[in-house]
Amino acid sequence: MRNTFIALAAVLMLAGCTTAERTATIGAAAGGAIGAAASGTIGGAAIGAFVGGAGGYLLGRAADRGDGYCEYRSRSGEIFYDRCPGY
């Protein structure tokens, strides 16, 4: 039950973030896990988190239009753009 609340809190924190911020968070978590597994040290995890976060941010920034519009997909698979929530 406790893990469910932690996961829910994490999802809610990311819900209002931009694409760049979400991909940076995911990249940092993945990079930290890979760095820790590859090196077995805290330093390796920190370097992996930094590199993953920076790479994730740059990828998210490239995908983000930055004009207040978000990309949505309809049930039929059609992609369309509309104002992002909160703009």
N, C-alpha and C. Protein backbone atom coordinates (compact mmCIF):
# COMPACT_ATOMS: atom_id res chain seq x y z
N MET A 1 0.82 -1.19 0.00
CA MET A 1 0.00 0.00 0.00
C MET A 1 0.87 1.26 0.00
N ARG A 2 1.94 1.21 0.77
CA ARG A 2 2.84 2.37 0.86
C ARG A 2 3.46 2.64 -0.51
N ASN A 3 3.87 1.59 -1.21
CA ASN A 3 4.48 1.76 -2.53
C ASN A 3 3.50 2.36 -3.53
N THR A 4 2.23 2.02 -3.38
CA THR A 4 1.21 2.59 -4.26
C THR A 4 1.11 4.10 -4.06
N PHE A 5 1.15 4.56 -2.82
CA PHE A 5 1.09 6.00 -2.55
C PHE A 5 2.33 6.71 -3.07
N ILE A 6 3.48 6.08 -2.95
CA ILE A 6 4.72 6.69 -3.46
C ILE A 6 4.65 6.80 -4.98
N ALA A 7 4.19 5.76 -5.65
CA ALA A 7 4.07 5.79 -7.11
C ALA A 7 3.04 6.83 -7.55
N LEU A 8 1.93 6.93 -6.84
CA LEU A 8 0.91 7.91 -7.17
C LEU A 8 1.45 9.33 -7.00
N ALA A 9 2.19 9.56 -5.93
CA ALA A 9 2.78 10.89 -5.71
C ALA A 9 3.77 11.23 -6.82
N ALA A 10 4.55 10.26 -7.27
CA ALA A 10 5.51 10.50 -8.35
C ALA A 10 4.79 10.85 -9.65
N VAL A 11 3.72 10.15 -9.94
CA VAL A 11 2.96 10.42 -11.17
C VAL A 11 2.33 11.81 -11.10
N LEU A 12 1.79 12.18 -9.97
CA LEU A 12 1.17 13.50 -9.84
C LEU A 12 2.19 14.62 -9.94
N MET A 13 3.40 14.40 -9.43
CA MET A 13 4.43 15.43 -9.55
C MET A 13 4.83 15.65 -11.00
N LEU A 14 4.84 14.60 -11.81
CA LEU A 14 5.22 14.73 -13.20
C LEU A 14 4.08 15.18 -14.10
N ALA A 15 2.86 15.17 -13.61
CA ALA A 15 1.70 15.47 -14.46
C ALA A 15 1.73 16.90 -14.99
N GLY A 16 2.20 17.85 -14.22
CA GLY A 16 2.20 19.24 -14.65
C GLY A 16 3.48 19.67 -15.33
N CYS A 17 4.41 18.76 -15.53
CA CYS A 17 5.71 19.11 -16.10
C CYS A 17 5.64 19.17 -17.62
N THR A 18 6.59 19.90 -18.18
CA THR A 18 6.71 19.94 -19.63
C THR A 18 7.32 18.64 -20.13
N THR A 19 7.31 18.47 -21.43
CA THR A 19 7.91 17.28 -22.02
C THR A 19 9.39 17.18 -21.66
N ALA A 20 10.09 18.30 -21.70
CA ALA A 20 11.52 18.30 -21.39
C ALA A 20 11.78 17.89 -19.95
N GLU A 21 10.95 18.36 -19.03
CA GLU A 21 11.14 18.01 -17.62
C GLU A 21 10.83 16.55 -17.36
N ARG A 22 9.80 16.02 -18.00
CA ARG A 22 9.47 14.60 -17.82
C ARG A 22 10.57 13.71 -18.37
N THR A 23 11.06 14.02 -19.58
CA THR A 23 12.10 13.17 -20.15
C THR A 23 13.41 13.31 -19.39
N ALA A 24 13.67 14.47 -18.80
CA ALA A 24 14.87 14.63 -17.98
C ALA A 24 14.78 13.77 -16.73
N THR A 25 13.62 13.73 -16.11
CA THR A 25 13.43 12.92 -14.91
C THR A 25 13.58 11.44 -15.22
N ILE A 26 12.97 11.00 -16.29
CA ILE A 26 13.06 9.59 -16.68
C ILE A 26 14.50 9.25 -17.08
N GLY A 27 15.15 10.15 -17.80
CA GLY A 27 16.54 9.92 -18.19
C GLY A 27 17.47 9.86 -17.00
N ALA A 28 17.25 10.72 -16.01
CA ALA A 28 18.09 10.71 -14.81
C ALA A 28 17.89 9.43 -14.02
N ALA A 29 16.67 8.97 -13.89
CA ALA A 29 16.41 7.73 -13.16
C ALA A 29 17.04 6.53 -13.88
N ALA A 30 16.86 6.48 -15.20
CA ALA A 30 17.44 5.37 -15.96
C ALA A 30 18.96 5.44 -15.96
N GLY A 31 19.51 6.64 -16.14
CA GLY A 31 20.96 6.79 -16.14
C GLY A 31 21.57 6.44 -14.80
N GLY A 32 20.90 6.83 -13.72
CA GLY A 32 21.40 6.48 -12.38
C GLY A 32 21.39 4.98 -12.15
N ALA A 33 20.34 4.33 -12.58
CA ALA A 33 20.25 2.87 -12.42
C ALA A 33 21.31 2.16 -13.24
N ILE A 34 21.50 2.61 -14.47
CA ILE A 34 22.51 1.99 -15.33
C ILE A 34 23.91 2.26 -14.79
N GLY A 35 24.15 3.51 -14.34
CA GLY A 35 25.46 3.85 -13.79
C GLY A 35 25.78 3.06 -12.54
N ALA A 36 24.79 2.85 -11.68
CA ALA A 36 25.00 2.06 -10.47
C ALA A 36 25.25 0.59 -10.80
N ALA A 37 24.51 0.06 -11.77
CA ALA A 37 24.69 -1.33 -12.15
C ALA A 37 26.04 -1.56 -12.83
N ALA A 38 26.47 -0.61 -13.64
CA ALA A 38 27.71 -0.78 -14.39
C ALA A 38 28.94 -0.60 -13.51
N SER A 39 28.89 0.35 -12.57
CA SER A 39 30.09 0.64 -11.77
C SER A 39 30.02 0.07 -10.36
N GLY A 40 28.82 -0.03 -9.82
CA GLY A 40 28.66 -0.51 -8.45
C GLY A 40 29.03 0.52 -7.41
N THR A 41 29.17 1.78 -7.80
CA THR A 41 29.53 2.84 -6.85
C THR A 41 28.51 3.97 -6.90
N ILE A 42 28.52 4.78 -5.86
CA ILE A 42 27.65 5.96 -5.80
C ILE A 42 28.07 6.97 -6.87
N GLY A 43 29.37 7.11 -7.07
CA GLY A 43 29.86 8.04 -8.09
C GLY A 43 29.40 7.67 -9.48
N GLY A 44 29.42 6.38 -9.79
CA GLY A 44 28.94 5.92 -11.10
C GLY A 44 27.46 6.19 -11.27
N ALA A 45 26.69 6.03 -10.19
CA ALA A 45 25.26 6.31 -10.25
C ALA A 45 25.02 7.80 -10.45
N ALA A 46 25.82 8.63 -9.78
CA ALA A 46 25.65 10.08 -9.91
C ALA A 46 25.99 10.55 -11.32
N ILE A 47 27.08 10.02 -11.87
CA ILE A 47 27.45 10.40 -13.23
C ILE A 47 26.39 9.92 -14.22
N GLY A 48 25.91 8.70 -14.04
CA GLY A 48 24.85 8.19 -14.92
C GLY A 48 23.58 9.01 -14.83
N ALA A 49 23.21 9.43 -13.62
CA ALA A 49 22.02 10.26 -13.45
C ALA A 49 22.19 11.61 -14.11
N PHE A 50 23.38 12.19 -13.99
CA PHE A 50 23.63 13.49 -14.61
C PHE A 50 23.55 13.39 -16.13
N VAL A 51 24.25 12.41 -16.69
CA VAL A 51 24.26 12.24 -18.15
C VAL A 51 22.87 11.89 -18.67
N GLY A 52 22.17 10.99 -17.97
CA GLY A 52 20.82 10.62 -18.38
C GLY A 52 19.84 11.78 -18.29
N GLY A 53 19.96 12.58 -17.23
CA GLY A 53 19.09 13.74 -17.08
C GLY A 53 19.33 14.79 -18.15
N ALA A 54 20.61 15.06 -18.44
CA ALA A 54 20.94 16.05 -19.47
C ALA A 54 20.48 15.58 -20.84
N GLY A 55 20.73 14.31 -21.14
CA GLY A 55 20.29 13.77 -22.43
C GLY A 55 18.78 13.75 -22.56
N GLY A 56 18.10 13.36 -21.48
CA GLY A 56 16.64 13.34 -21.50
C GLY A 56 16.06 14.73 -21.67
N TYR A 57 16.67 15.72 -21.02
CA TYR A 57 16.19 17.09 -21.16
C TYR A 57 16.35 17.57 -22.61
N LEU A 58 17.51 17.30 -23.19
CA LEU A 58 17.74 17.75 -24.56
C LEU A 58 16.79 17.07 -25.55
N LEU A 59 16.55 15.79 -25.36
CA LEU A 59 15.59 15.09 -26.23
C LEU A 59 14.17 15.62 -26.05
N GLY A 60 13.78 15.86 -24.80
CA GLY A 60 12.45 16.40 -24.53
C GLY A 60 12.29 17.81 -25.05
N ARG A 61 13.35 18.59 -24.95
CA ARG A 61 13.31 19.97 -25.44
C ARG A 61 13.15 20.00 -26.96
N ALA A 62 13.79 19.06 -27.63
CA ALA A 62 13.68 18.99 -29.09
C ALA A 62 12.27 18.58 -29.51
N ALA A 63 11.61 17.75 -28.69
CA ALA A 63 10.27 17.29 -29.03
C ALA A 63 9.19 18.29 -28.64
N ASP A 64 9.51 19.21 -27.72
CA ASP A 64 8.53 20.17 -27.23
C ASP A 64 8.43 21.35 -28.20
N ARG A 65 7.24 21.68 -28.59
CA ARG A 65 7.05 22.79 -29.52
C ARG A 65 7.30 24.13 -28.84
N GLY A 66 7.02 24.23 -27.56
CA GLY A 66 7.31 25.45 -26.82
C GLY A 66 6.36 26.60 -27.06
N ASP A 67 5.25 26.37 -27.70
CA ASP A 67 4.33 27.47 -28.00
C ASP A 67 2.99 27.33 -27.27
N GLY A 68 2.96 26.46 -26.26
CA GLY A 68 1.73 26.29 -25.50
C GLY A 68 0.78 25.28 -26.08
N TYR A 69 1.19 24.58 -27.13
CA TYR A 69 0.36 23.55 -27.73
C TYR A 69 0.94 22.17 -27.44
N CYS A 70 0.09 21.22 -27.19
CA CYS A 70 0.49 19.85 -26.92
C CYS A 70 0.03 18.94 -28.05
N GLU A 71 0.74 17.84 -28.20
CA GLU A 71 0.39 16.86 -29.21
C GLU A 71 -0.54 15.82 -28.59
N TYR A 72 -1.64 15.56 -29.23
CA TYR A 72 -2.61 14.58 -28.76
C TYR A 72 -2.86 13.56 -29.86
N ARG A 73 -3.31 12.39 -29.47
CA ARG A 73 -3.64 11.34 -30.43
C ARG A 73 -5.08 10.91 -30.19
N SER A 74 -5.87 10.92 -31.25
CA SER A 74 -7.26 10.51 -31.14
C SER A 74 -7.33 8.98 -31.07
N ARG A 75 -8.51 8.47 -30.78
CA ARG A 75 -8.68 7.02 -30.69
C ARG A 75 -8.44 6.34 -32.03
N SER A 76 -8.64 7.06 -33.11
CA SER A 76 -8.40 6.48 -34.42
C SER A 76 -6.93 6.55 -34.83
N GLY A 77 -6.10 7.20 -34.01
CA GLY A 77 -4.67 7.28 -34.28
C GLY A 77 -4.23 8.59 -34.91
N GLU A 78 -5.17 9.48 -35.19
CA GLU A 78 -4.85 10.76 -35.80
C GLU A 78 -4.16 11.66 -34.77
N ILE A 79 -3.08 12.31 -35.16
CA ILE A 79 -2.35 13.23 -34.28
C ILE A 79 -2.85 14.64 -34.55
N PHE A 80 -3.14 15.39 -33.47
CA PHE A 80 -3.55 16.78 -33.61
C PHE A 80 -2.96 17.59 -32.47
N TYR A 81 -2.95 18.90 -32.62
CA TYR A 81 -2.38 19.81 -31.64
C TYR A 81 -3.48 20.70 -31.09
N ASP A 82 -3.42 20.91 -29.78
CA ASP A 82 -4.38 21.79 -29.10
C ASP A 82 -3.67 22.43 -27.92
N ARG A 83 -4.28 23.46 -27.35
CA ARG A 83 -3.68 24.15 -26.22
C ARG A 83 -3.42 23.18 -25.07
N CYS A 84 -2.26 23.31 -24.46
CA CYS A 84 -1.91 22.50 -23.30
C CYS A 84 -2.73 22.96 -22.10
N PRO A 85 -3.03 22.05 -21.19
CA PRO A 85 -3.73 22.45 -19.96
C PRO A 85 -2.87 23.44 -19.18
N GLY A 86 -3.47 24.47 -18.69
CA GLY A 86 -2.76 25.47 -17.89
C GLY A 86 -2.27 26.67 -18.68
N TYR A 87 -2.47 26.68 -20.01
CA TYR A 87 -2.06 27.86 -20.80
C TYR A 87 -3.23 28.75 -21.01
